[in-house]
């Protein structure tokens, strides 16, 4: 299974692997920063720091979902859902 079909499947898998790796590195970086110099300011800023360190992982996961064409990601055209109670 070589050719264009295989390269199309490798792209999203690499993006998923990269997002997982960046998520783990973001948590490791936060733990390193938190343990190295613990003080009350880090305790209050911890949610913001974790969120900032996870932005690259979230971006690559968004790219993965977009390339894969997952529902709700905007990768493919979807039928319009009128919502509950609508004909």
PDB file of N, CA and C in Angstrom:
ATOM      1  N   UNK A   1       0.838  -1.172   0.000  1.00  0.00           N
ATOM      2  CA  UNK A   1       0.000   0.000   0.000  1.00  0.00           C
ATOM      3  C   UNK A   1       0.888   1.241   0.000  1.00  0.00           C
ATOM      4  N   UNK A   2       1.471   1.529  -1.121  1.00  0.00           N
ATOM      5  CA  UNK A   2       2.300   2.727  -1.245  1.00  0.00           C
ATOM      6  C   UNK A   2       1.611   3.685  -2.189  1.00  0.00           C
ATOM      7  N   UNK A   3       2.125   4.875  -2.237  1.00  0.00           N
ATOM      8  CA  UNK A   3       1.570   5.850  -3.150  1.00  0.00           C
ATOM      9  C   UNK A   3       0.816   6.936  -2.406  1.00  0.00           C
ATOM     10  N   UNK A   4      -0.065   7.617  -3.130  1.00  0.00           N
ATOM     11  CA  UNK A   4      -0.745   8.767  -2.527  1.00  0.00           C
ATOM     12  C   UNK A   4      -1.663   8.400  -1.371  1.00  0.00           C
ATOM     13  N   UNK A   5      -2.257   7.193  -1.389  1.00  0.00           N
ATOM     14  CA  UNK A   5      -3.160   6.807  -0.312  1.00  0.00           C
ATOM     15  C   UNK A   5      -2.403   6.670   1.011  1.00  0.00           C
ATOM     16  N   UNK A   6      -1.210   6.108   0.940  1.00  0.00           N
ATOM     17  CA  UNK A   6      -0.413   5.923   2.162  1.00  0.00           C
ATOM     18  C   UNK A   6       0.057   7.260   2.723  1.00  0.00           C
ATOM     19  N   UNK A   7       0.455   8.193   1.871  1.00  0.00           N
ATOM     20  CA  UNK A   7       0.929   9.490   2.354  1.00  0.00           C
ATOM     21  C   UNK A   7      -0.213  10.307   2.941  1.00  0.00           C
ATOM     22  N   UNK A   8      -1.422  10.095   2.452  1.00  0.00           N
ATOM     23  CA  UNK A   8      -2.564  10.806   3.025  1.00  0.00           C
ATOM     24  C   UNK A   8      -2.838  10.324   4.439  1.00  0.00           C
ATOM     25  N   UNK A   9      -2.592   9.063   4.715  1.00  0.00           N
ATOM     26  CA  UNK A   9      -2.850   8.527   6.048  1.00  0.00           C
ATOM     27  C   UNK A   9      -1.717   8.834   7.015  1.00  0.00           C
ATOM     28  N   UNK A  10      -0.510   9.007   6.514  1.00  0.00           N
ATOM     29  CA  UNK A  10       0.627   9.306   7.394  1.00  0.00           C
ATOM     30  C   UNK A  10       0.546  10.712   7.960  1.00  0.00           C
ATOM     31  N   UNK A  11       0.045  11.654   7.182  1.00  0.00           N
ATOM     32  CA  UNK A  11      -0.020  13.049   7.619  1.00  0.00           C
ATOM     33  C   UNK A  11      -0.814  13.224   8.897  1.00  0.00           C
ATOM     34  N   UNK A  12      -2.082  12.771   8.928  1.00  0.00           N
ATOM     35  CA  UNK A  12      -2.853  12.929  10.166  1.00  0.00           C
ATOM     36  C   UNK A  12      -2.274  12.150  11.347  1.00  0.00           C
ATOM     37  N   UNK A  13      -1.711  10.988  11.095  1.00  0.00           N
ATOM     38  CA  UNK A  13      -1.130  10.202  12.185  1.00  0.00           C
ATOM     39  C   UNK A  13       0.071  10.926  12.780  1.00  0.00           C
ATOM     40  N   UNK A  14       0.884  11.552  11.940  1.00  0.00           N
ATOM     41  CA  UNK A  14       2.029  12.315  12.442  1.00  0.00           C
ATOM     42  C   UNK A  14       1.575  13.526  13.251  1.00  0.00           C
ATOM     43  N   UNK A  15       0.493  14.176  12.799  1.00  0.00           N
ATOM     44  CA  UNK A  15      -0.030  15.309  13.557  1.00  0.00           C
ATOM     45  C   UNK A  15      -0.554  14.866  14.920  1.00  0.00           C
ATOM     46  N   UNK A  16      -1.214  13.712  14.958  1.00  0.00           N
ATOM     47  CA  UNK A  16      -1.707  13.198  16.230  1.00  0.00           C
ATOM     48  C   UNK A  16      -0.549  12.854  17.160  1.00  0.00           C
ATOM     49  N   UNK A  17       0.467  12.210  16.633  1.00  0.00           N
ATOM     50  CA  UNK A  17       1.636  11.861  17.447  1.00  0.00           C
ATOM     51  C   UNK A  17       2.334  13.121  17.955  1.00  0.00           C
ATOM     52  N   UNK A  18       2.437  14.125  17.108  1.00  0.00           N
ATOM     53  CA  UNK A  18       3.070  15.378  17.514  1.00  0.00           C
ATOM     54  C   UNK A  18       2.256  16.076  18.594  1.00  0.00           C
ATOM     55  N   UNK A  19       0.938  16.058  18.483  1.00  0.00           N
ATOM     56  CA  UNK A  19       0.114  16.708  19.504  1.00  0.00           C
ATOM     57  C   UNK A  19       0.225  15.980  20.848  1.00  0.00           C
ATOM     58  N   UNK A  20       0.290  14.650  20.815  1.00  0.00           N
ATOM     59  CA  UNK A  20       0.450  13.897  22.062  1.00  0.00           C
ATOM     60  C   UNK A  20       1.810  14.191  22.691  1.00  0.00           C
ATOM     61  N   UNK A  21       2.855  14.215  21.865  1.00  0.00           N
ATOM     62  CA  UNK A  21       4.196  14.512  22.360  1.00  0.00           C
ATOM     63  C   UNK A  21       4.262  15.911  22.967  1.00  0.00           C
ATOM     64  N   UNK A  22       3.670  16.893  22.302  1.00  0.00           N
ATOM     65  CA  UNK A  22       3.687  18.258  22.826  1.00  0.00           C
ATOM     66  C   UNK A  22       2.875  18.380  24.109  1.00  0.00           C
ATOM     67  N   UNK A  23       1.786  17.624  24.224  1.00  0.00           N
ATOM     68  CA  UNK A  23       0.999  17.656  25.458  1.00  0.00           C
ATOM     69  C   UNK A  23       1.821  17.112  26.626  1.00  0.00           C
ATOM     70  N   UNK A  24       2.529  16.012  26.393  1.00  0.00           N
ATOM     71  CA  UNK A  24       3.360  15.431  27.445  1.00  0.00           C
ATOM     72  C   UNK A  24       4.506  16.373  27.809  1.00  0.00           C
ATOM     73  N   UNK A  25       5.144  16.968  26.795  1.00  0.00           N
ATOM     74  CA  UNK A  25       6.231  17.911  27.068  1.00  0.00           C
ATOM     75  C   UNK A  25       5.731  19.159  27.785  1.00  0.00           C
ATOM     76  N   UNK A  26       4.514  19.612  27.471  1.00  0.00           N
ATOM     77  CA  UNK A  26       3.943  20.767  28.153  1.00  0.00           C
ATOM     78  C   UNK A  26       3.716  20.490  29.626  1.00  0.00           C
ATOM     79  N   UNK A  27       3.198  19.304  29.925  1.00  0.00           N
ATOM     80  CA  UNK A  27       3.007  18.939  31.332  1.00  0.00           C
ATOM     81  C   UNK A  27       4.341  18.771  32.047  1.00  0.00           C
ATOM     82  N   UNK A  28       5.314  18.173  31.362  1.00  0.00           N
ATOM     83  CA  UNK A  28       6.634  18.009  31.973  1.00  0.00           C
ATOM     84  C   UNK A  28       7.286  19.370  32.234  1.00  0.00           C
ATOM     85  N   UNK A  29       7.149  20.289  31.295  1.00  0.00           N
ATOM     86  CA  UNK A  29       7.695  21.633  31.493  1.00  0.00           C
ATOM     87  C   UNK A  29       7.034  22.355  32.648  1.00  0.00           C
ATOM     88  N   UNK A  30       5.716  22.170  32.781  1.00  0.00           N
ATOM     89  CA  UNK A  30       5.017  22.792  33.898  1.00  0.00           C
ATOM     90  C   UNK A  30       5.477  22.202  35.228  1.00  0.00           C
ATOM     91  N   UNK A  31       5.586  20.885  35.287  1.00  0.00           N
ATOM     92  CA  UNK A  31       6.031  20.243  36.528  1.00  0.00           C
ATOM     93  C   UNK A  31       7.444  20.682  36.879  1.00  0.00           C
ATOM     94  N   UNK A  32       8.314  20.759  35.881  1.00  0.00           N
ATOM     95  CA  UNK A  32       9.688  21.216  36.115  1.00  0.00           C
ATOM     96  C   UNK A  32       9.691  22.636  36.685  1.00  0.00           C
ATOM     97  N   UNK A  33       8.912  23.526  36.097  1.00  0.00           N
ATOM     98  CA  UNK A  33       8.844  24.908  36.558  1.00  0.00           C
ATOM     99  C   UNK A  33       8.232  24.987  37.951  1.00  0.00           C
ATOM    100  N   UNK A  34       7.201  24.199  38.179  1.00  0.00           N
ATOM    101  CA  UNK A  34       6.481  24.244  39.445  1.00  0.00           C
ATOM    102  C   UNK A  34       7.320  23.699  40.590  1.00  0.00           C
ATOM    103  N   UNK A  35       8.026  22.603  40.369  1.00  0.00           N
ATOM    104  CA  UNK A  35       8.808  21.975  41.432  1.00  0.00           C
ATOM    105  C   UNK A  35      10.118  22.719  41.678  1.00  0.00           C
ATOM    106  N   UNK A  36      10.688  23.260  40.623  1.00  0.00           N
ATOM    107  CA  UNK A  36      11.979  23.919  40.733  1.00  0.00           C
ATOM    108  C   UNK A  36      11.933  25.122  41.676  1.00  0.00           C
ATOM    109  N   UNK A  37      10.900  25.930  41.552  1.00  0.00           N
ATOM    110  CA  UNK A  37      10.810  27.144  42.357  1.00  0.00           C
ATOM    111  C   UNK A  37       9.363  27.310  42.824  1.00  0.00           C
ATOM    112  N   UNK A  38       8.978  26.554  43.813  1.00  0.00           N
ATOM    113  CA  UNK A  38       7.599  26.608  44.296  1.00  0.00           C
ATOM    114  C   UNK A  38       7.398  27.830  45.163  1.00  0.00           C
ATOM    115  N   UNK A  39       6.360  28.592  44.831  1.00  0.00           N
ATOM    116  CA  UNK A  39       5.921  29.686  45.689  1.00  0.00           C
ATOM    117  C   UNK A  39       4.432  29.908  45.438  1.00  0.00           C
ATOM    118  N   UNK A  40       3.836  30.796  46.185  1.00  0.00           N
ATOM    119  CA  UNK A  40       2.389  30.988  46.121  1.00  0.00           C
ATOM    120  C   UNK A  40       1.958  31.561  44.760  1.00  0.00           C
ATOM    121  N   UNK A  41       2.820  32.321  44.109  1.00  0.00           N
ATOM    122  CA  UNK A  41       2.463  32.881  42.804  1.00  0.00           C
ATOM    123  C   UNK A  41       2.288  31.783  41.764  1.00  0.00           C
ATOM    124  N   UNK A  42       3.168  30.787  41.783  1.00  0.00           N
ATOM    125  CA  UNK A  42       3.021  29.672  40.841  1.00  0.00           C
ATOM    126  C   UNK A  42       1.720  28.920  41.109  1.00  0.00           C
ATOM    127  N   UNK A  43       1.342  28.833  42.383  1.00  0.00           N
ATOM    128  CA  UNK A  43       0.115  28.135  42.734  1.00  0.00           C
ATOM    129  C   UNK A  43      -1.102  28.844  42.137  1.00  0.00           C
ATOM    130  N   UNK A  44      -1.124  30.162  42.206  1.00  0.00           N
ATOM    131  CA  UNK A  44      -2.237  30.920  41.638  1.00  0.00           C
ATOM    132  C   UNK A  44      -2.204  30.945  40.117  1.00  0.00           C
ATOM    133  N   UNK A  45      -1.017  30.970  39.547  1.00  0.00           N
ATOM    134  CA  UNK A  45      -0.890  31.040  38.090  1.00  0.00           C
ATOM    135  C   UNK A  45      -0.860  29.673  37.409  1.00  0.00           C
ATOM    136  N   UNK A  46      -0.928  28.603  38.166  1.00  0.00           N
ATOM    137  CA  UNK A  46      -0.817  27.256  37.596  1.00  0.00           C
ATOM    138  C   UNK A  46      -1.823  26.978  36.475  1.00  0.00           C
ATOM    139  N   UNK A  47      -3.111  27.321  36.615  1.00  0.00           N
ATOM    140  CA  UNK A  47      -4.037  27.039  35.509  1.00  0.00           C
ATOM    141  C   UNK A  47      -3.686  27.792  34.226  1.00  0.00           C
ATOM    142  N   UNK A  48      -3.222  29.009  34.368  1.00  0.00           N
ATOM    143  CA  UNK A  48      -2.846  29.796  33.186  1.00  0.00           C
ATOM    144  C   UNK A  48      -1.593  29.220  32.538  1.00  0.00           C
ATOM    145  N   UNK A  49      -0.623  28.835  33.342  1.00  0.00           N
ATOM    146  CA  UNK A  49       0.627  28.282  32.816  1.00  0.00           C
ATOM    147  C   UNK A  49       0.372  26.964  32.099  1.00  0.00           C
ATOM    148  N   UNK A  50      -0.447  26.096  32.692  1.00  0.00           N
ATOM    149  CA  UNK A  50      -0.758  24.826  32.038  1.00  0.00           C
ATOM    150  C   UNK A  50      -1.456  25.078  30.712  1.00  0.00           C
ATOM    151  N   UNK A  51      -2.413  26.004  30.696  1.00  0.00           N
ATOM    152  CA  UNK A  51      -3.132  26.311  29.453  1.00  0.00           C
ATOM    153  C   UNK A  51      -2.182  26.836  28.383  1.00  0.00           C
ATOM    154  N   UNK A  52      -1.268  27.702  28.753  1.00  0.00           N
ATOM    155  CA  UNK A  52      -0.313  28.235  27.780  1.00  0.00           C
ATOM    156  C   UNK A  52       0.616  27.150  27.239  1.00  0.00           C
ATOM    157  N   UNK A  53       1.036  26.243  28.107  1.00  0.00           N
ATOM    158  CA  UNK A  53       1.931  25.173  27.666  1.00  0.00           C
ATOM    159  C   UNK A  53       1.213  24.145  26.796  1.00  0.00           C
ATOM    160  N   UNK A  54      -0.106  24.089  26.854  1.00  0.00           N
ATOM    161  CA  UNK A  54      -0.863  23.120  26.064  1.00  0.00           C
ATOM    162  C   UNK A  54      -1.349  23.692  24.732  1.00  0.00           C
ATOM    163  N   UNK A  55      -1.140  24.972  24.465  1.00  0.00           N
ATOM    164  CA  UNK A  55      -1.600  25.581  23.213  1.00  0.00           C
ATOM    165  C   UNK A  55      -0.993  24.904  21.985  1.00  0.00           C
ATOM    166  N   UNK A  56       0.309  24.627  21.922  1.00  0.00           N
ATOM    167  CA  UNK A  56       0.837  23.945  20.727  1.00  0.00           C
ATOM    168  C   UNK A  56       0.216  22.567  20.510  1.00  0.00           C
ATOM    169  N   UNK A  57      -0.004  21.818  21.577  1.00  0.00           N
ATOM    170  CA  UNK A  57      -0.617  20.492  21.444  1.00  0.00           C
ATOM    171  C   UNK A  57      -2.049  20.618  20.933  1.00  0.00           C
ATOM    172  N   UNK A  58      -2.796  21.582  21.454  1.00  0.00           N
ATOM    173  CA  UNK A  58      -4.174  21.776  20.998  1.00  0.00           C
ATOM    174  C   UNK A  58      -4.211  22.200  19.534  1.00  0.00           C
ATOM    175  N   UNK A  59      -3.260  23.012  19.096  1.00  0.00           N
ATOM    176  CA  UNK A  59      -3.207  23.446  17.701  1.00  0.00           C
ATOM    177  C   UNK A  59      -2.958  22.257  16.759  1.00  0.00           C
ATOM    178  N   UNK A  60      -1.998  21.415  17.104  1.00  0.00           N
ATOM    179  CA  UNK A  60      -1.710  20.267  16.235  1.00  0.00           C
ATOM    180  C   UNK A  60      -2.838  19.236  16.278  1.00  0.00           C
ATOM    181  N   UNK A  61      -3.528  19.114  17.408  1.00  0.00           N
ATOM    182  CA  UNK A  61      -4.679  18.222  17.458  1.00  0.00           C
ATOM    183  C   UNK A  61      -5.804  18.771  16.593  1.00  0.00           C
ATOM    184  N   UNK A  62      -5.979  20.088  16.571  1.00  0.00           N
ATOM    185  CA  UNK A  62      -6.977  20.715  15.699  1.00  0.00           C
ATOM    186  C   UNK A  62      -6.634  20.452  14.231  1.00  0.00           C
ATOM    187  N   UNK A  63      -5.348  20.569  13.879  1.00  0.00           N
ATOM    188  CA  UNK A  63      -4.940  20.258  12.504  1.00  0.00           C
ATOM    189  C   UNK A  63      -5.203  18.798  12.160  1.00  0.00           C
ATOM    190  N   UNK A  64      -4.948  17.904  13.116  1.00  0.00           N
ATOM    191  CA  UNK A  64      -5.202  16.481  12.904  1.00  0.00           C
ATOM    192  C   UNK A  64      -6.679  16.241  12.619  1.00  0.00           C
ATOM    193  N   UNK A  65      -7.559  16.829  13.416  1.00  0.00           N
ATOM    194  CA  UNK A  65      -9.003  16.638  13.207  1.00  0.00           C
ATOM    195  C   UNK A  65      -9.445  17.251  11.887  1.00  0.00           C
ATOM    196  N   UNK A  66      -8.852  18.361  11.514  1.00  0.00           N
ATOM    197  CA  UNK A  66      -9.216  19.012  10.260  1.00  0.00           C
ATOM    198  C   UNK A  66      -8.798  18.153   9.065  1.00  0.00           C
ATOM    199  N   UNK A  67      -7.595  17.592   9.106  1.00  0.00           N
ATOM    200  CA  UNK A  67      -7.116  16.742   8.010  1.00  0.00           C
ATOM    201  C   UNK A  67      -7.880  15.436   7.931  1.00  0.00           C
ATOM    202  N   UNK A  68      -8.238  14.875   9.076  1.00  0.00           N
ATOM    203  CA  UNK A  68      -8.946  13.611   9.104  1.00  0.00           C
ATOM    204  C   UNK A  68     -10.393  13.778   8.685  1.00  0.00           C
ATOM    205  N   UNK A  69     -10.925  14.993   8.791  1.00  0.00           N
ATOM    206  CA  UNK A  69     -12.309  15.228   8.417  1.00  0.00           C
ATOM    207  C   UNK A  69     -13.276  14.757   9.477  1.00  0.00           C
ATOM    208  N   UNK A  70     -12.909  14.925  10.747  1.00  0.00           N
ATOM    209  CA  UNK A  70     -13.762  14.485  11.840  1.00  0.00           C
ATOM    210  C   UNK A  70     -15.025  15.342  11.897  1.00  0.00           C
ATOM    211  N   UNK A  71     -16.139  14.764  12.336  1.00  0.00           N
ATOM    212  CA  UNK A  71     -17.372  15.534  12.449  1.00  0.00           C
ATOM    213  C   UNK A  71     -17.205  16.707  13.407  1.00  0.00           C
ATOM    214  N   UNK A  72     -17.720  17.839  12.987  1.00  0.00           N
ATOM    215  CA  UNK A  72     -17.640  19.019  13.824  1.00  0.00           C
ATOM    216  C   UNK A  72     -16.346  19.777  13.707  1.00  0.00           C
ATOM    217  N   UNK A  73     -15.419  19.311  12.865  1.00  0.00           N
ATOM    218  CA  UNK A  73     -14.130  19.985  12.766  1.00  0.00           C
ATOM    219  C   UNK A  73     -14.079  20.979  11.619  1.00  0.00           C
ATOM    220  N   UNK A  74     -15.065  20.937  10.728  1.00  0.00           N
ATOM    221  CA  UNK A  74     -15.050  21.820   9.577  1.00  0.00           C
ATOM    222  C   UNK A  74     -14.244  21.259   8.432  1.00  0.00           C
ATOM    223  N   UNK A  75     -13.794  20.028   8.517  1.00  0.00           N
ATOM    224  CA  UNK A  75     -13.001  19.408   7.470  1.00  0.00           C
ATOM    225  C   UNK A  75     -13.819  19.014   6.251  1.00  0.00           C
ATOM    226  N   UNK A  76     -15.079  18.659   6.455  1.00  0.00           N
ATOM    227  CA  UNK A  76     -15.951  18.272   5.368  1.00  0.00           C
ATOM    228  C   UNK A  76     -17.255  19.038   5.484  1.00  0.00           C
ATOM    229  N   UNK A  77     -17.963  19.130   4.364  1.00  0.00           N
ATOM    230  CA  UNK A  77     -19.268  19.770   4.391  1.00  0.00           C
ATOM    231  C   UNK A  77     -20.242  18.872   5.151  1.00  0.00           C
ATOM    232  N   UNK A  78     -21.008  19.482   6.027  1.00  0.00           N
ATOM    233  CA  UNK A  78     -21.954  18.721   6.825  1.00  0.00           C
ATOM    234  C   UNK A  78     -23.369  19.149   6.468  1.00  0.00           C
ATOM    235  N   UNK A  79     -24.316  18.255   6.713  1.00  0.00           N
ATOM    236  CA  UNK A  79     -25.708  18.605   6.509  1.00  0.00           C
ATOM    237  C   UNK A  79     -26.106  19.598   7.593  1.00  0.00           C
ATOM    238  N   UNK A  80     -27.002  20.512   7.199  1.00  0.00           N
ATOM    239  CA  UNK A  80     -27.449  21.491   8.180  1.00  0.00           C
ATOM    240  C   UNK A  80     -28.432  20.807   9.126  1.00  0.00           C
ATOM    241  N   UNK A  81     -28.166  20.910  10.392  1.00  0.00           N
ATOM    242  CA  UNK A  81     -29.025  20.325  11.414  1.00  0.00           C
ATOM    243  C   UNK A  81     -29.899  21.425  11.978  1.00  0.00           C
ATOM    244  N   UNK A  82     -31.214  21.353  11.742  1.00  0.00           N
ATOM    245  CA  UNK A  82     -32.078  22.445  12.230  1.00  0.00           C
ATOM    246  C   UNK A  82     -32.238  22.478  13.746  1.00  0.00           C
ATOM    247  N   UNK A  83     -31.864  21.399  14.424  1.00  0.00           N
ATOM    248  CA  UNK A  83     -31.953  21.368  15.872  1.00  0.00           C
ATOM    249  C   UNK A  83     -33.201  20.640  16.329  1.00  0.00           C
ATOM    250  N   UNK A  84     -33.321  20.437  17.610  1.00  0.00           N
ATOM    251  CA  UNK A  84     -34.473  19.684  18.119  1.00  0.00           C
ATOM    252  C   UNK A  84     -35.764  20.477  17.968  1.00  0.00           C
ATOM    253  N   UNK A  85     -36.817  19.776  17.588  1.00  0.00           N
ATOM    254  CA  UNK A  85     -38.139  20.406  17.456  1.00  0.00           C
ATOM    255  C   UNK A  85     -38.359  21.102  16.135  1.00  0.00           C
ATOM    256  N   UNK A  86     -37.371  21.119  15.268  1.00  0.00           N
ATOM    257  CA  UNK A  86     -37.513  21.769  13.966  1.00  0.00           C
ATOM    258  C   UNK A  86     -37.761  20.729  12.894  1.00  0.00           C
ATOM    259  N   UNK A  87     -38.615  21.031  11.913  1.00  0.00           N
ATOM    260  CA  UNK A  87     -38.881  20.037  10.851  1.00  0.00           C
ATOM    261  C   UNK A  87     -37.724  19.816   9.924  1.00  0.00           C
TER     262      UNK A  87
END
